């Protein structure tokens, strides 16, 4: 698979969900449902792991550019697979 330089995702986060999943919405943004509570960075850490798994990259390649303390986040994925 070909890779790109950097992919930026707009992600709406819903913490305290029953299951962790990442899905694309109709408007092109992403919805991340996370089991973790939004306390002590647990939800952000789970979001990074979930995005890395979904795009087939290392967790170190995923970073939250903005919105670390809010529900709407911009997430950068370095070297993301072209499947996005």
Protein backbone atom coordinates (compact mmCIF):
# COMPACT_ATOMS: atom_id res chain seq x y z
CA UNK A 1 0.00 0.00 0.00
CA UNK A 2 1.12 3.52 -0.75
CA UNK A 3 1.55 5.93 2.11
CA UNK A 4 1.02 9.64 2.36
CA UNK A 5 2.97 12.23 4.32
CA UNK A 6 0.38 13.31 6.85
CA UNK A 7 -3.36 12.89 7.16
CA UNK A 8 -5.43 15.18 9.40
CA UNK A 9 -8.72 13.86 10.77
CA UNK A 10 -11.50 15.84 12.41
CA UNK A 11 -12.73 13.56 15.19
CA UNK A 12 -15.71 13.91 17.52
CA UNK A 13 -15.08 11.91 20.69
CA UNK A 14 -17.73 10.23 22.84
CA UNK A 15 -16.14 8.89 26.04
CA UNK A 16 -17.70 6.28 28.36
CA UNK A 17 -19.17 4.25 25.48
CA UNK A 18 -19.91 0.52 25.68
CA UNK A 19 -17.51 -0.37 22.91
CA UNK A 20 -14.52 1.38 21.38
CA UNK A 21 -14.91 2.05 17.68
CA UNK A 22 -13.94 4.57 15.03
CA UNK A 23 -16.34 5.32 12.20
CA UNK A 24 -16.64 7.87 9.41
CA UNK A 25 -19.69 10.15 9.33
CA UNK A 26 -21.57 11.42 6.28
CA UNK A 27 -19.89 14.84 6.39
CA UNK A 28 -16.41 13.30 6.15
CA UNK A 29 -15.44 13.71 9.80
CA UNK A 30 -14.88 10.80 12.18
CA UNK A 31 -16.71 9.62 15.30
CA UNK A 32 -14.69 7.87 18.00
CA UNK A 33 -16.61 6.04 20.70
CA UNK A 34 -14.27 5.29 23.58
CA UNK A 35 -14.69 3.09 26.66
CA UNK A 36 -12.32 5.25 28.69
CA UNK A 37 -13.52 8.20 30.78
CA UNK A 38 -12.23 11.69 29.94
CA UNK A 39 -10.00 11.74 33.04
CA UNK A 40 -6.19 12.03 33.26
CA UNK A 41 -5.76 11.69 29.48
CA UNK A 42 -7.18 8.15 29.38
CA UNK A 43 -9.62 8.92 26.57
CA UNK A 44 -6.93 10.67 24.52
CA UNK A 45 -4.58 7.70 24.92
CA UNK A 46 -7.34 5.31 23.83
CA UNK A 47 -8.15 7.56 20.85
CA UNK A 48 -4.52 7.49 19.71
CA UNK A 49 -4.42 3.68 19.98
CA UNK A 50 -7.74 3.34 18.12
CA UNK A 51 -6.67 5.62 15.25
CA UNK A 52 -3.29 3.85 14.97
CA UNK A 53 -5.01 0.47 14.75
CA UNK A 54 -7.55 1.70 12.18
CA UNK A 55 -4.88 3.20 9.89
CA UNK A 56 -2.28 0.47 10.37
CA UNK A 57 0.46 2.60 11.87
CA UNK A 58 2.34 2.93 15.15
CA UNK A 59 0.86 4.90 18.04
CA UNK A 60 3.89 7.19 17.86
CA UNK A 61 2.72 8.27 14.38
CA UNK A 62 -0.60 9.59 15.74
CA UNK A 63 -0.86 12.90 17.57
CA UNK A 64 -3.65 15.21 18.70
CA UNK A 65 -2.97 18.57 17.06
CA UNK A 66 -5.77 20.50 18.77
CA UNK A 67 -8.73 19.91 21.05
CA UNK A 68 -6.98 17.69 23.60
CA UNK A 69 -9.39 18.82 26.32
CA UNK A 70 -12.54 19.02 24.17
CA UNK A 71 -14.77 16.63 22.28
CA UNK A 72 -13.82 17.91 18.81
CA UNK A 73 -10.20 17.11 17.98
CA UNK A 74 -7.84 17.42 15.05
CA UNK A 75 -5.72 14.28 14.88
CA UNK A 76 -2.62 13.97 12.68
CA UNK A 77 -1.58 10.57 11.32
CA UNK A 78 1.96 10.41 9.88
CA UNK A 79 2.50 7.96 7.04
CA UNK A 80 -1.13 6.85 6.99
CA UNK A 81 -2.11 4.10 4.59
CA UNK A 82 -3.93 5.37 1.52
CA UNK A 83 -7.10 3.55 2.58
CA UNK A 84 -8.36 6.75 4.23
